[in-house]
């Protein structure tokens, strides 16, 4: 029979079915037909949740876990969960240190094949992901997603200390160190600048301005800060505001000034504020409401697990509260033979 013949072919390793488009060979006809969907673009399997389509039923099954939240593959070392077995295998190499994928152009090794493919683009210059707003291209999809925030204005990361918002999480982490300071590994002291930390510790400033002999601790600051510093000598102000015409020595000063015209946007609700401090106070309101909602949900969950309170205990609690607040009559204010009667509200 045809089934027995295919079973025999699988055992012998023979691949009699070849693709007319690319020449790839397969041991069964059904495998060839599935492969040909790569060329035809046919994707017969669709997700009922979001409409995404797939060429393989197995790929659809894996995709459905995005909606169900199912992560059946668990790492024995750290307990991290994954939707696919391949993702788990790649993760486990972080524990074992195994790096089976090597770059044939620079001999670097990688634990995951996807990371190797991304790395190879640094050699080939391939940038398959592009922004439909400005046509800028990227080697990774995640880099494109981050870039799009520059167009949408989304700034999902914000500093709890001062309320400033950021496009990228790394920018927030770097900013937060401006509040806490950078620890010196030599003495434990905290410094406001990580780049100049070693020379801030020693006091060394080997780079000098040739106009006023002002010195700088790092070469990077010589090139970035010195240009702005020398404009104090020349009077040059190359950055100007198109709204009011005011000019500035530094580009950052211009950007900060322009917000005085446009306002500071709240990344959560879109409201605009003329002052950064007002934005900070506004963000505190969001935080307060978030805490209130969380507290209410916790109380509701706790109430669902509790028995109804004892009437007698509630009455005693009401009396105790009245005595503490001075609302309960003292013995000298009422006849000694009066009986304490509790109102229905207190009982």
Protein backbone atom coordinates (compact mmCIF):
# COMPACT_ATOMS: atom_id res chain seq x y z
CA UNK A 1 0.00 0.00 0.00
CA UNK A 2 0.97 3.66 -0.28
CA UNK A 3 1.35 3.98 3.51
CA UNK A 4 3.66 0.95 3.70
CA UNK A 5 5.72 2.36 0.84
CA UNK A 6 6.15 5.70 2.65
CA UNK A 7 7.12 3.90 5.85
CA UNK A 8 9.80 2.02 3.93
CA UNK A 9 11.12 5.26 2.42
CA UNK A 10 11.38 6.85 5.89
CA UNK A 11 13.52 3.92 7.10
CA UNK A 12 15.81 3.91 4.05
CA UNK A 13 16.36 7.69 4.15
CA UNK A 14 15.28 8.04 0.53
CA UNK A 15 13.80 11.42 -0.49
CA UNK A 16 11.95 10.93 -3.77
CA UNK A 17 9.75 14.05 -3.56
CA UNK A 18 11.49 17.26 -4.62
CA UNK A 19 10.32 20.87 -4.77
CA UNK A 20 10.19 22.36 -8.28
CA UNK A 21 10.86 25.85 -6.89
CA UNK A 22 14.02 25.33 -4.82
CA UNK A 23 15.03 21.68 -5.24
CA UNK A 24 14.56 20.70 -1.59
CA UNK A 25 13.84 16.96 -1.26
CA UNK A 26 11.45 15.20 1.15
CA UNK A 27 10.66 11.61 2.07
CA UNK A 28 6.85 12.01 2.00
CA UNK A 29 4.47 13.80 -0.33
CA UNK A 30 2.61 15.53 2.51
CA UNK A 31 5.88 17.01 3.80
CA UNK A 32 6.59 18.40 0.32
CA UNK A 33 3.10 19.91 0.11
CA UNK A 34 3.54 21.63 3.47
CA UNK A 35 6.95 22.96 2.35
CA UNK A 36 5.50 24.40 -0.86
CA UNK A 37 3.37 26.78 1.22
CA UNK A 38 6.58 28.76 1.75
CA UNK A 39 6.58 29.54 -1.98
CA UNK A 40 2.83 29.92 -2.50
CA UNK A 41 2.24 31.92 0.68
CA UNK A 42 -0.70 29.70 1.59
CA UNK A 43 -1.60 29.89 5.30
CA UNK A 44 -4.70 27.76 5.88
CA UNK A 45 -4.67 27.84 9.69
CA UNK A 46 -6.05 30.96 11.37
CA UNK A 47 -6.34 32.08 15.00
CA UNK A 48 -9.92 32.73 16.12
CA UNK A 49 -8.72 35.18 18.77
CA UNK A 50 -6.72 37.66 16.70
CA UNK A 51 -6.98 36.52 13.07
CA UNK A 52 -3.28 35.66 12.64
CA UNK A 53 -2.72 33.00 9.96
CA UNK A 54 -0.15 30.21 9.78
CA UNK A 55 1.15 27.66 7.29
CA UNK A 56 1.39 24.85 9.86
CA UNK A 57 -1.12 23.60 12.41
CA UNK A 58 1.68 23.13 14.96
CA UNK A 59 2.62 26.79 14.61
CA UNK A 60 -0.99 27.78 15.30
CA UNK A 61 -1.03 25.59 18.44
CA UNK A 62 2.10 27.34 19.73
CA UNK A 63 0.60 30.75 18.91
CA UNK A 64 -2.60 30.01 20.85
CA UNK A 65 -0.52 29.84 24.03
CA UNK A 66 0.00 33.59 23.68
CA UNK A 67 -3.72 34.05 24.34
CA UNK A 68 -4.21 31.28 26.90
CA UNK A 69 -1.04 32.11 28.82
CA UNK A 70 -0.10 28.43 28.87
CA UNK A 71 3.62 27.81 29.44
CA UNK A 72 4.04 24.04 29.71
CA UNK A 73 7.83 23.93 29.57
CA UNK A 74 9.58 24.66 32.89
CA UNK A 75 13.29 25.10 33.65
CA UNK A 76 14.42 22.72 36.42
CA UNK A 77 17.17 25.14 37.47
CA UNK A 78 15.27 28.40 38.03
CA UNK A 79 11.59 27.61 37.43
CA UNK A 80 11.18 29.95 34.46
CA UNK A 81 8.37 28.88 32.14
CA UNK A 82 8.18 28.87 28.33
CA UNK A 83 5.55 28.34 25.65
CA UNK A 84 7.88 26.30 23.40
CA UNK A 85 10.33 23.48 24.07
CA UNK A 86 12.92 25.14 21.83
CA UNK A 87 12.84 28.29 23.96
CA UNK A 88 13.39 26.17 27.07
CA UNK A 89 16.38 24.39 25.50
CA UNK A 90 17.93 27.72 24.53
CA UNK A 91 17.36 29.08 28.03
CA UNK A 92 18.91 26.02 29.71
CA UNK A 93 22.17 26.75 27.92
CA UNK A 94 22.44 29.90 30.04
CA UNK A 95 22.81 27.58 33.03
CA UNK A 96 25.12 25.03 31.37
CA UNK A 97 27.24 27.61 29.53
CA UNK A 98 26.86 25.68 26.28
CA UNK A 99 27.19 27.79 23.12
CA UNK A 100 26.78 25.47 20.13
CA UNK A 101 26.21 28.17 17.50
CA UNK A 102 29.33 29.90 16.17
CA UNK A 103 29.71 32.77 13.72
CA UNK A 104 31.79 31.76 10.70
CA UNK A 105 32.86 35.37 10.21
CA UNK A 106 34.28 36.25 13.63
CA UNK A 107 34.22 32.97 15.66
CA UNK A 108 31.90 34.35 18.35
CA UNK A 109 29.69 31.67 19.88
CA UNK A 110 26.07 31.85 21.01
CA UNK A 111 23.64 29.80 23.06
CA UNK A 112 20.68 30.45 20.76
CA UNK A 113 20.37 30.25 16.98
CA UNK A 114 18.19 33.37 16.82
CA UNK A 115 20.87 35.43 18.56
CA UNK A 116 23.45 34.17 16.05
CA UNK A 117 21.22 35.19 13.13
CA UNK A 118 20.83 38.67 14.62
CA UNK A 119 24.60 38.89 15.19
CA UNK A 120 25.39 37.97 11.58
CA UNK A 121 23.52 41.07 10.46
CA UNK A 122 26.28 43.15 12.08
CA UNK A 123 28.60 41.68 9.42
CA UNK A 124 26.24 41.66 6.44
CA UNK A 125 24.61 45.01 7.17
CA UNK A 126 21.15 43.47 6.72
CA UNK A 127 18.36 45.45 8.40
CA UNK A 128 15.07 43.71 7.60
CA UNK A 129 12.87 45.77 9.94
CA UNK A 130 11.94 49.27 8.83
CA UNK A 131 9.85 52.11 10.23
CA UNK A 132 6.87 53.08 8.06
CA UNK A 133 7.03 56.64 9.42
CA UNK A 134 10.63 57.61 8.62
CA UNK A 135 12.02 54.57 6.73
CA UNK A 136 14.77 54.00 9.28
CA UNK A 137 15.86 50.34 9.30
CA UNK A 138 16.84 48.02 12.14
CA UNK A 139 18.46 44.62 12.63
CA UNK A 140 15.99 43.57 15.35
CA UNK A 141 12.22 43.82 15.68
CA UNK A 142 12.55 44.93 19.31
CA UNK A 143 14.71 47.88 18.22
CA UNK A 144 12.00 48.91 15.75
CA UNK A 145 9.31 48.70 18.44
CA UNK A 146 11.39 50.93 20.73
CA UNK A 147 12.05 53.40 17.90
CA UNK A 148 8.34 53.77 17.12
CA UNK A 149 7.84 55.39 20.52
CA UNK A 150 9.71 58.43 19.16
CA UNK A 151 6.84 58.89 16.69
CA UNK A 152 3.95 58.02 18.99
CA UNK A 153 5.32 60.03 21.92
CA UNK A 154 4.87 57.06 24.23
CA UNK A 155 7.08 57.30 27.32
CA UNK A 156 6.04 54.30 29.45
CA UNK A 157 8.87 54.49 31.98
CA UNK A 158 8.78 57.20 34.66
CA UNK A 159 10.87 58.18 37.66
CA UNK A 160 9.07 57.91 41.00
CA UNK A 161 11.43 60.49 42.50
CA UNK A 162 10.89 63.42 40.13
CA UNK A 163 8.18 62.32 37.69
CA UNK A 164 10.34 62.53 34.55
CA UNK A 165 9.29 60.05 31.86
CA UNK A 166 11.41 58.06 29.42
CA UNK A 167 11.06 56.18 26.16
CA UNK A 168 13.42 53.38 27.20
CA UNK A 169 13.84 51.51 30.47
CA UNK A 170 17.64 51.81 30.28
CA UNK A 171 17.28 55.60 30.13
CA UNK A 172 15.17 55.49 33.30
CA UNK A 173 17.74 53.31 35.10
CA UNK A 174 20.54 55.68 34.10
CA UNK A 175 18.47 58.69 35.20
CA UNK A 176 17.64 57.17 38.59
CA UNK A 177 21.36 57.04 39.37
CA UNK A 178 21.36 60.85 39.13
CA UNK A 179 19.25 60.77 42.31
CA UNK A 180 21.04 57.95 44.11
CA UNK A 181 24.56 58.56 42.78
CA UNK A 182 27.12 56.11 41.42
CA UNK A 183 28.99 53.99 43.99
CA UNK A 184 32.77 53.86 43.79
CA UNK A 185 34.06 50.28 43.99
CA UNK A 186 37.27 51.52 45.61
CA UNK A 187 35.95 53.52 48.56
CA UNK A 188 32.17 53.11 48.56
CA UNK A 189 31.55 56.85 48.14
CA UNK A 190 28.71 57.98 45.87
CA UNK A 191 29.37 60.23 42.87
CA UNK A 192 26.90 62.07 40.59
CA UNK A 193 28.68 61.09 37.35
CA UNK A 194 29.54 57.52 36.39
CA UNK A 195 31.77 58.40 33.43
CA UNK A 196 34.01 60.66 35.49
CA UNK A 197 33.76 58.59 38.66
CA UNK A 198 37.41 57.37 38.71
CA UNK A 199 38.83 60.87 38.29
CA UNK A 200 36.23 62.47 40.53
CA UNK A 201 37.67 60.12 43.15
CA UNK A 202 41.27 61.08 42.45
CA UNK A 203 40.58 64.70 41.44
CA UNK A 204 42.55 64.30 38.21
CA UNK A 205 41.44 66.49 35.25
CA UNK A 206 43.95 66.02 32.42
CA UNK A 207 42.00 67.69 29.56
CA UNK A 208 42.19 71.48 29.23
CA UNK A 209 40.35 74.25 27.34
CA UNK A 210 42.87 76.24 25.29
CA UNK A 211 40.90 79.48 25.80
CA UNK A 212 40.57 79.67 29.57
CA UNK A 213 42.52 76.67 30.89
CA UNK A 214 39.39 75.07 32.36
CA UNK A 215 40.01 71.35 32.80
CA UNK A 216 37.89 68.24 32.28
CA UNK A 217 38.13 64.79 33.82
CA UNK A 218 37.38 62.69 30.74
CA UNK A 219 38.13 62.90 27.05
CA UNK A 220 34.49 62.23 26.21
CA UNK A 221 33.58 65.31 28.22
CA UNK A 222 36.32 67.25 26.45
CA UNK A 223 34.55 66.68 23.13
CA UNK A 224 30.93 66.89 24.31
CA UNK A 225 31.11 69.57 27.03
CA UNK A 226 34.07 71.57 25.77
CA UNK A 227 32.26 72.56 22.56
CA UNK A 228 29.43 74.03 24.61
CA UNK A 229 31.89 75.55 27.07
CA UNK A 230 33.84 77.36 24.35
CA UNK A 231 30.62 79.02 23.17
CA UNK A 232 30.71 80.93 26.45
CA UNK A 233 33.86 82.56 25.06
CA UNK A 234 32.63 83.07 21.50
CA UNK A 235 29.02 84.01 22.37
CA UNK A 236 27.75 81.50 19.82
CA UNK A 237 24.18 80.25 20.39
CA UNK A 238 23.44 77.90 17.48
CA UNK A 239 20.16 76.50 18.80
CA UNK A 240 17.06 78.68 18.47
CA UNK A 241 13.37 78.29 19.23
CA UNK A 242 11.10 78.55 16.17
CA UNK A 243 8.19 79.64 18.38
CA UNK A 244 9.68 82.68 20.13
CA UNK A 245 13.14 83.09 18.59
CA UNK A 246 15.11 82.64 21.83
CA UNK A 247 18.59 81.19 21.26
CA UNK A 248 20.59 78.73 23.32
CA UNK A 249 24.15 77.52 23.76
CA UNK A 250 23.17 73.88 24.24
CA UNK A 251 20.64 71.72 22.39
CA UNK A 252 19.34 70.25 25.65
CA UNK A 253 18.53 73.76 26.85
CA UNK A 254 16.49 74.34 23.69
CA UNK A 255 14.58 71.07 24.14
CA UNK A 256 13.77 71.94 27.75
CA UNK A 257 12.67 75.45 26.71
CA UNK A 258 10.39 74.16 23.93
CA UNK A 259 8.39 72.24 26.51
CA UNK A 260 7.43 75.59 28.04
CA UNK A 261 5.48 76.21 24.81
CA UNK A 262 4.08 72.74 24.20
CA UNK A 263 3.70 71.64 27.82
CA UNK A 264 4.83 68.45 29.53
CA UNK A 265 2.68 65.46 28.48
CA UNK A 266 1.47 62.81 30.90
CA UNK A 267 2.35 59.42 29.42
CA UNK A 268 -0.68 57.80 31.08
CA UNK A 269 -3.61 60.09 30.24
CA UNK A 270 -2.19 62.59 27.73
CA UNK A 271 -2.89 65.71 29.82
CA UNK A 272 -0.43 68.58 29.30
CA UNK A 273 1.18 70.67 32.04
CA UNK A 274 3.13 73.93 31.74
CA UNK A 275 5.59 72.94 34.44
CA UNK A 276 7.50 69.73 35.17
CA UNK A 277 6.68 69.98 38.88
CA UNK A 278 2.96 70.08 38.05
CA UNK A 279 3.40 66.96 35.94
CA UNK A 280 5.14 65.30 38.88
CA UNK A 281 2.26 66.18 41.23
CA UNK A 282 -0.21 64.93 38.61
CA UNK A 283 1.64 61.60 38.36
CA UNK A 284 1.43 61.29 42.14
CA UNK A 285 -2.35 61.39 41.70
CA UNK A 286 -2.15 58.45 39.30
CA UNK A 287 -0.03 56.55 41.80
CA UNK A 288 -2.47 57.32 44.64
CA UNK A 289 -5.44 56.10 42.58
CA UNK A 290 -3.54 52.96 41.61
CA UNK A 291 -2.88 52.22 45.28
CA UNK A 292 -6.54 52.86 46.19
CA UNK A 293 -7.75 50.48 43.50
CA UNK A 294 -5.22 47.85 44.58
CA UNK A 295 -6.20 48.27 48.25
CA UNK A 296 -9.91 48.01 47.41
CA UNK A 297 -9.33 44.84 45.40
CA UNK A 298 -7.32 43.34 48.26
CA UNK A 299 -10.08 44.16 50.77
CA UNK A 300 -12.69 42.66 48.48
CA UNK A 301 -10.63 39.49 48.09
CA UNK A 302 -10.07 39.27 51.85
CA UNK A 303 -13.76 39.87 52.59
CA UNK A 304 -14.67 36.94 50.37
CA UNK A 305 -12.57 34.63 52.55
CA UNK A 306 -13.87 35.85 55.94
CA UNK A 307 -16.87 34.85 58.09
CA UNK A 308 -19.47 37.53 59.07
CA UNK A 309 -18.24 39.53 62.10
CA UNK A 310 -19.56 38.72 65.58
CA UNK A 311 -22.33 41.18 66.63
CA UNK A 312 -21.16 41.29 70.25
CA UNK A 313 -17.54 41.99 69.29
CA UNK A 314 -18.69 44.75 66.90
CA UNK A 315 -20.74 46.36 69.70
CA UNK A 316 -17.78 46.38 72.09
CA UNK A 317 -15.61 47.88 69.36
CA UNK A 318 -18.16 50.69 68.87
CA UNK A 319 -18.19 51.44 72.61
CA UNK A 320 -14.40 51.47 72.77
CA UNK A 321 -14.22 53.86 69.83
CA UNK A 322 -16.79 56.20 71.44
CA UNK A 323 -14.85 56.28 74.71
CA UNK A 324 -11.58 57.08 72.90
CA UNK A 325 -13.15 59.98 71.01
CA UNK A 326 -14.97 61.38 74.10
CA UNK A 327 -18.43 60.76 72.67
CA UNK A 328 -19.35 58.19 75.34
CA UNK A 329 -20.74 59.76 78.63
CA UNK A 330 -18.44 59.59 81.66
CA UNK A 331 -19.83 58.00 84.92
CA UNK A 332 -20.24 61.47 86.50
CA UNK A 333 -22.36 62.62 83.54
CA UNK A 334 -24.99 59.86 83.78
CA UNK A 335 -26.93 58.07 86.57
CA UNK A 336 -25.13 55.01 87.93
CA UNK A 337 -28.15 52.80 87.43
CA UNK A 338 -28.52 53.67 83.73
CA UNK A 339 -28.18 50.72 81.44
CA UNK A 340 -26.02 50.88 78.38
CA UNK A 341 -28.21 50.48 75.33
CA UNK A 342 -26.69 49.95 71.93
CA UNK A 343 -28.37 51.39 68.89
CA UNK A 344 -29.00 49.05 65.97
CA UNK A 345 -26.15 50.75 64.11
CA UNK A 346 -23.76 50.03 66.98
CA UNK A 347 -25.05 46.51 67.48
